[in-house]
Amino acid sequence: MTNVNKLAGALIVFLMLGSTATFAQEQQAPEQQQQSAEVTDAELTKFVQALQGVQQVAMEAQQKMMQLVKDEGMEFARFNEIHQASVDPEVEVEATPEEKATHKKIIGQFESMQAGLQQQLEEFISQQGLTLERYEQIAMRIQTDTQLQQRIQQMLQG
């Protein structure tokens, strides 16, 4: 079950970040990084609200993806094995031509879901009063800033 959750989580990340990967690759000037580093309480409140909505959308998408794999007649664990081999050249798995075709079809369906999911996420973030760029800046900052993590914990608990 944890493999299922890991793959589904990875797929959600793939879908959520697919069209925003360019942002992460762009180099920001040091002044821009410093400016984006400061997160106000108001922004953090908006971020937490947006994050909760993003998590809900991600959960629903995860369920749809798992159902899609099932509907195509493949076990999720088997899909996971084939998928890992398709993205990591060091992972080898024997798969029949039918399994490979089914995997490819499922990935195509996941990718077609991506645009709608991305739009839904962006709309939800925007409704909370943040731009997608600012949401991503805060999310990246949270990964390394323990004080910011503590502020979020306090908001979620209080």
C-alpha atoms as a PDB file:
ATOM      1  CA  MET A   1       0.000   0.000   0.000  1.00  0.00           C
ATOM      2  CA  THR A   2       2.851   2.410   0.705  1.00  0.00           C
ATOM      3  CA  ASN A   3       4.189   1.834  -2.816  1.00  0.00           C
ATOM      4  CA  VAL A   4       0.768   2.769  -4.124  1.00  0.00           C
ATOM      5  CA  ASN A   5       0.759   5.950  -2.049  1.00  0.00           C
ATOM      6  CA  LYS A   6       4.339   6.802  -3.056  1.00  0.00           C
ATOM      7  CA  LEU A   7       3.615   6.441  -6.761  1.00  0.00           C
ATOM      8  CA  ALA A   8       0.316   8.245  -6.519  1.00  0.00           C
ATOM      9  CA  GLY A   9       2.036  11.008  -4.577  1.00  0.00           C
ATOM     10  CA  ALA A  10       4.809  11.179  -7.158  1.00  0.00           C
ATOM     11  CA  LEU A  11       2.244  11.355  -9.934  1.00  0.00           C
ATOM     12  CA  ILE A  12       0.425  14.171  -8.161  1.00  0.00           C
ATOM     13  CA  VAL A  13       3.676  16.075  -7.851  1.00  0.00           C
ATOM     14  CA  PHE A  14       4.362  15.382 -11.523  1.00  0.00           C
ATOM     15  CA  LEU A  15       0.965  16.727 -12.457  1.00  0.00           C
ATOM     16  CA  MET A  16       1.070  19.721 -10.139  1.00  0.00           C
ATOM     17  CA  LEU A  17       4.556  20.786 -11.097  1.00  0.00           C
ATOM     18  CA  GLY A  18       4.553  19.785 -14.737  1.00  0.00           C
ATOM     19  CA  SER A  19       3.804  23.208 -16.120  1.00  0.00           C
ATOM     20  CA  THR A  20       5.621  25.066 -13.355  1.00  0.00           C
ATOM     21  CA  ALA A  21       8.984  23.324 -13.698  1.00  0.00           C
ATOM     22  CA  THR A  22      10.255  26.230 -15.758  1.00  0.00           C
ATOM     23  CA  PHE A  23       9.861  28.497 -12.766  1.00  0.00           C
ATOM     24  CA  ALA A  24      12.091  26.311 -10.626  1.00  0.00           C
ATOM     25  CA  GLN A  25      14.760  26.289 -13.316  1.00  0.00           C
ATOM     26  CA  GLU A  26      14.892  30.070 -13.661  1.00  0.00           C
ATOM     27  CA  GLN A  27      17.661  31.820 -11.809  1.00  0.00           C
ATOM     28  CA  GLN A  28      16.550  34.708  -9.629  1.00  0.00           C
ATOM     29  CA  ALA A  29      18.751  37.650  -8.759  1.00  0.00           C
ATOM     30  CA  PRO A  30      19.881  37.677  -5.099  1.00  0.00           C
ATOM     31  CA  GLU A  31      17.708  40.741  -4.383  1.00  0.00           C
ATOM     32  CA  GLN A  32      14.654  38.963  -5.766  1.00  0.00           C
ATOM     33  CA  GLN A  33      15.387  35.912  -3.660  1.00  0.00           C
ATOM     34  CA  GLN A  34      15.718  38.060  -0.543  1.00  0.00           C
ATOM     35  CA  GLN A  35      12.458  39.874  -1.285  1.00  0.00           C
ATOM     36  CA  SER A  36      10.619  36.619  -1.874  1.00  0.00           C
ATOM     37  CA  ALA A  37      12.095  35.224   1.330  1.00  0.00           C
ATOM     38  CA  GLU A  38       9.987  37.416   3.629  1.00  0.00           C
ATOM     39  CA  VAL A  39       6.594  35.831   4.246  1.00  0.00           C
ATOM     40  CA  THR A  40       3.997  37.893   6.084  1.00  0.00           C
ATOM     41  CA  ASP A  41       1.418  36.338   8.411  1.00  0.00           C
ATOM     42  CA  ALA A  42      -1.296  37.312   5.939  1.00  0.00           C
ATOM     43  CA  GLU A  43       0.525  35.532   3.110  1.00  0.00           C
ATOM     44  CA  LEU A  44       1.123  32.506   5.280  1.00  0.00           C
ATOM     45  CA  THR A  45      -2.574  32.342   6.160  1.00  0.00           C
ATOM     46  CA  LYS A  46      -3.454  32.476   2.456  1.00  0.00           C
ATOM     47  CA  PHE A  47      -0.810  29.841   1.739  1.00  0.00           C
ATOM     48  CA  VAL A  48      -2.191  27.480   4.386  1.00  0.00           C
ATOM     49  CA  GLN A  49      -5.727  27.898   3.011  1.00  0.00           C
ATOM     50  CA  ALA A  50      -4.474  27.296  -0.516  1.00  0.00           C
ATOM     51  CA  LEU A  51      -2.414  24.305   0.611  1.00  0.00           C
ATOM     52  CA  GLN A  52      -5.444  22.671   2.185  1.00  0.00           C
ATOM     53  CA  GLY A  53      -7.355  23.080  -1.095  1.00  0.00           C
ATOM     54  CA  VAL A  54      -4.412  21.828  -3.121  1.00  0.00           C
ATOM     55  CA  GLN A  55      -4.215  18.741  -0.907  1.00  0.00           C
ATOM     56  CA  GLN A  56      -7.923  18.073  -1.454  1.00  0.00           C
ATOM     57  CA  VAL A  57      -7.568  18.418  -5.228  1.00  0.00           C
ATOM     58  CA  ALA A  58      -4.488  16.171  -5.118  1.00  0.00           C
ATOM     59  CA  MET A  59      -6.346  13.509  -3.133  1.00  0.00           C
ATOM     60  CA  GLU A  60      -9.196  13.505  -5.626  1.00  0.00           C
ATOM     61  CA  ALA A  61      -6.753  13.320  -8.538  1.00  0.00           C
ATOM     62  CA  GLN A  62      -4.901  10.462  -6.851  1.00  0.00           C
ATOM     63  CA  GLN A  63      -8.144   8.512  -6.519  1.00  0.00           C
ATOM     64  CA  LYS A  64      -8.994   9.163 -10.176  1.00  0.00           C
ATOM     65  CA  MET A  65      -5.538   8.004 -11.276  1.00  0.00           C
ATOM     66  CA  MET A  66      -5.734   4.842  -9.222  1.00  0.00           C
ATOM     67  CA  GLN A  67      -9.176   4.123 -10.659  1.00  0.00           C
ATOM     68  CA  LEU A  68      -7.888   4.760 -14.165  1.00  0.00           C
ATOM     69  CA  VAL A  69      -5.115   2.189 -13.678  1.00  0.00           C
ATOM     70  CA  LYS A  70      -7.672  -0.302 -12.353  1.00  0.00           C
ATOM     71  CA  ASP A  71     -10.073   0.437 -15.212  1.00  0.00           C
ATOM     72  CA  GLU A  72      -7.295  -0.361 -17.694  1.00  0.00           C
ATOM     73  CA  GLY A  73      -6.986  -3.802 -16.091  1.00  0.00           C
ATOM     74  CA  MET A  74      -3.621  -3.324 -14.432  1.00  0.00           C
ATOM     75  CA  GLU A  75      -2.709  -3.751 -10.788  1.00  0.00           C
ATOM     76  CA  PHE A  76      -1.342  -0.540  -9.329  1.00  0.00           C
ATOM     77  CA  ALA A  77       1.754  -2.308  -7.978  1.00  0.00           C
ATOM     78  CA  ARG A  78       2.513  -3.656 -11.472  1.00  0.00           C
ATOM     79  CA  PHE A  79       1.940  -0.251 -12.998  1.00  0.00           C
ATOM     80  CA  ASN A  80       4.375   1.129 -10.418  1.00  0.00           C
ATOM     81  CA  GLU A  81       7.057  -1.427 -11.368  1.00  0.00           C
ATOM     82  CA  ILE A  82       6.745  -0.689 -15.068  1.00  0.00           C
ATOM     83  CA  HIS A  83       6.647   3.046 -14.457  1.00  0.00           C
ATOM     84  CA  GLN A  84       9.786   2.982 -12.305  1.00  0.00           C
ATOM     85  CA  ALA A  85      11.610   1.107 -15.061  1.00  0.00           C
ATOM     86  CA  SER A  86      10.406   3.622 -17.645  1.00  0.00           C
ATOM     87  CA  VAL A  87      11.758   6.633 -15.735  1.00  0.00           C
ATOM     88  CA  ASP A  88      14.906   5.114 -14.216  1.00  0.00           C
ATOM     89  CA  PRO A  89      17.320   3.448 -16.631  1.00  0.00           C
ATOM     90  CA  GLU A  90      18.909   1.528 -13.746  1.00  0.00           C
ATOM     91  CA  VAL A  91      15.627  -0.207 -12.909  1.00  0.00           C
ATOM     92  CA  GLU A  92      14.853  -3.206 -15.054  1.00  0.00           C
ATOM     93  CA  VAL A  93      11.554  -4.999 -15.263  1.00  0.00           C
ATOM     94  CA  GLU A  94      10.256  -7.569 -17.675  1.00  0.00           C
ATOM     95  CA  ALA A  95       6.970  -6.466 -19.154  1.00  0.00           C
ATOM     96  CA  THR A  96       4.903  -7.893 -21.942  1.00  0.00           C
ATOM     97  CA  PRO A  97       4.181  -5.730 -24.974  1.00  0.00           C
ATOM     98  CA  GLU A  98       0.578  -5.522 -23.759  1.00  0.00           C
ATOM     99  CA  GLU A  99       1.693  -4.253 -20.339  1.00  0.00           C
ATOM    100  CA  LYS A 100       3.950  -1.666 -21.954  1.00  0.00           C
ATOM    101  CA  ALA A 101       1.115  -0.517 -24.207  1.00  0.00           C
ATOM    102  CA  THR A 102      -1.273  -0.276 -21.255  1.00  0.00           C
ATOM    103  CA  HIS A 103       1.306   1.660 -19.235  1.00  0.00           C
ATOM    104  CA  LYS A 104       1.834   4.064 -22.127  1.00  0.00           C
ATOM    105  CA  LYS A 105      -1.933   4.531 -22.529  1.00  0.00           C
ATOM    106  CA  ILE A 106      -2.355   5.245 -18.803  1.00  0.00           C
ATOM    107  CA  ILE A 107       0.493   7.776 -18.811  1.00  0.00           C
ATOM    108  CA  GLY A 108      -1.146   9.482 -21.782  1.00  0.00           C
ATOM    109  CA  GLN A 109      -4.388   9.723 -19.841  1.00  0.00           C
ATOM    110  CA  PHE A 110      -2.530  11.107 -16.809  1.00  0.00           C
ATOM    111  CA  GLU A 111      -0.927  13.746 -19.005  1.00  0.00           C
ATOM    112  CA  SER A 112      -4.277  14.720 -20.490  1.00  0.00           C
ATOM    113  CA  MET A 113      -5.589  15.187 -16.932  1.00  0.00           C
ATOM    114  CA  GLN A 114      -2.656  17.469 -16.141  1.00  0.00           C
ATOM    115  CA  ALA A 115      -3.932  20.610 -17.866  1.00  0.00           C
ATOM    116  CA  GLY A 116      -7.286  20.486 -16.092  1.00  0.00           C
ATOM    117  CA  LEU A 117      -5.694  19.711 -12.761  1.00  0.00           C
ATOM    118  CA  GLN A 118      -3.143  22.482 -13.160  1.00  0.00           C
ATOM    119  CA  GLN A 119      -5.885  24.970 -14.005  1.00  0.00           C
ATOM    120  CA  GLN A 120      -7.950  23.848 -11.015  1.00  0.00           C
ATOM    121  CA  LEU A 121      -4.953  24.255  -8.694  1.00  0.00           C
ATOM    122  CA  GLU A 122      -4.069  27.681 -10.069  1.00  0.00           C
ATOM    123  CA  GLU A 123      -7.664  28.879  -9.702  1.00  0.00           C
ATOM    124  CA  PHE A 124      -7.827  27.684  -6.119  1.00  0.00           C
ATOM    125  CA  ILE A 125      -4.527  29.350  -5.238  1.00  0.00           C
ATOM    126  CA  SER A 126      -5.688  32.549  -6.917  1.00  0.00           C
ATOM    127  CA  GLN A 127      -8.989  32.473  -5.001  1.00  0.00           C
ATOM    128  CA  GLN A 128      -6.963  32.542  -1.790  1.00  0.00           C
ATOM    129  CA  GLY A 129      -5.271  35.757  -2.918  1.00  0.00           C
ATOM    130  CA  LEU A 130      -1.895  34.394  -4.029  1.00  0.00           C
ATOM    131  CA  THR A 131      -0.258  34.157  -7.411  1.00  0.00           C
ATOM    132  CA  LEU A 132       1.065  30.763  -8.457  1.00  0.00           C
ATOM    133  CA  GLU A 133       4.569  32.210  -8.452  1.00  0.00           C
ATOM    134  CA  ARG A 134       4.237  33.454  -4.857  1.00  0.00           C
ATOM    135  CA  TYR A 135       2.687  30.159  -3.735  1.00  0.00           C
ATOM    136  CA  GLU A 136       5.684  28.311  -5.205  1.00  0.00           C
ATOM    137  CA  GLN A 137       8.137  30.733  -3.583  1.00  0.00           C
ATOM    138  CA  ILE A 138       6.584  30.153  -0.177  1.00  0.00           C
ATOM    139  CA  ALA A 139       6.452  26.380  -0.745  1.00  0.00           C
ATOM    140  CA  MET A 140      10.143  26.277  -1.644  1.00  0.00           C
ATOM    141  CA  ARG A 141      11.043  28.432   1.332  1.00  0.00           C
ATOM    142  CA  ILE A 142       9.117  26.184   3.713  1.00  0.00           C
ATOM    143  CA  GLN A 143      11.267  23.235   2.717  1.00  0.00           C
ATOM    144  CA  THR A 144      14.350  24.810   4.292  1.00  0.00           C
ATOM    145  CA  ASP A 145      13.025  27.302   6.853  1.00  0.00           C
ATOM    146  CA  THR A 146      12.220  25.675  10.196  1.00  0.00           C
ATOM    147  CA  GLN A 147      10.817  28.920  11.631  1.00  0.00           C
ATOM    148  CA  LEU A 148       8.353  29.133   8.774  1.00  0.00           C
ATOM    149  CA  GLN A 149       7.432  25.485   9.317  1.00  0.00           C
ATOM    150  CA  GLN A 150       6.733  26.253  12.973  1.00  0.00           C
ATOM    151  CA  ARG A 151       4.565  29.237  12.039  1.00  0.00           C
ATOM    152  CA  ILE A 152       2.503  27.003   9.760  1.00  0.00           C
ATOM    153  CA  GLN A 153       2.169  24.371  12.505  1.00  0.00           C
ATOM    154  CA  GLN A 154       0.891  27.040  14.888  1.00  0.00           C
ATOM    155  CA  MET A 155      -1.645  28.218  12.312  1.00  0.00           C
ATOM    156  CA  LEU A 156      -2.861  24.689  11.705  1.00  0.00           C
ATOM    157  CA  GLN A 157      -3.177  23.956  15.421  1.00  0.00           C
ATOM    158  CA  GLY A 158      -4.609  27.277  16.515  1.00  0.00           C
END
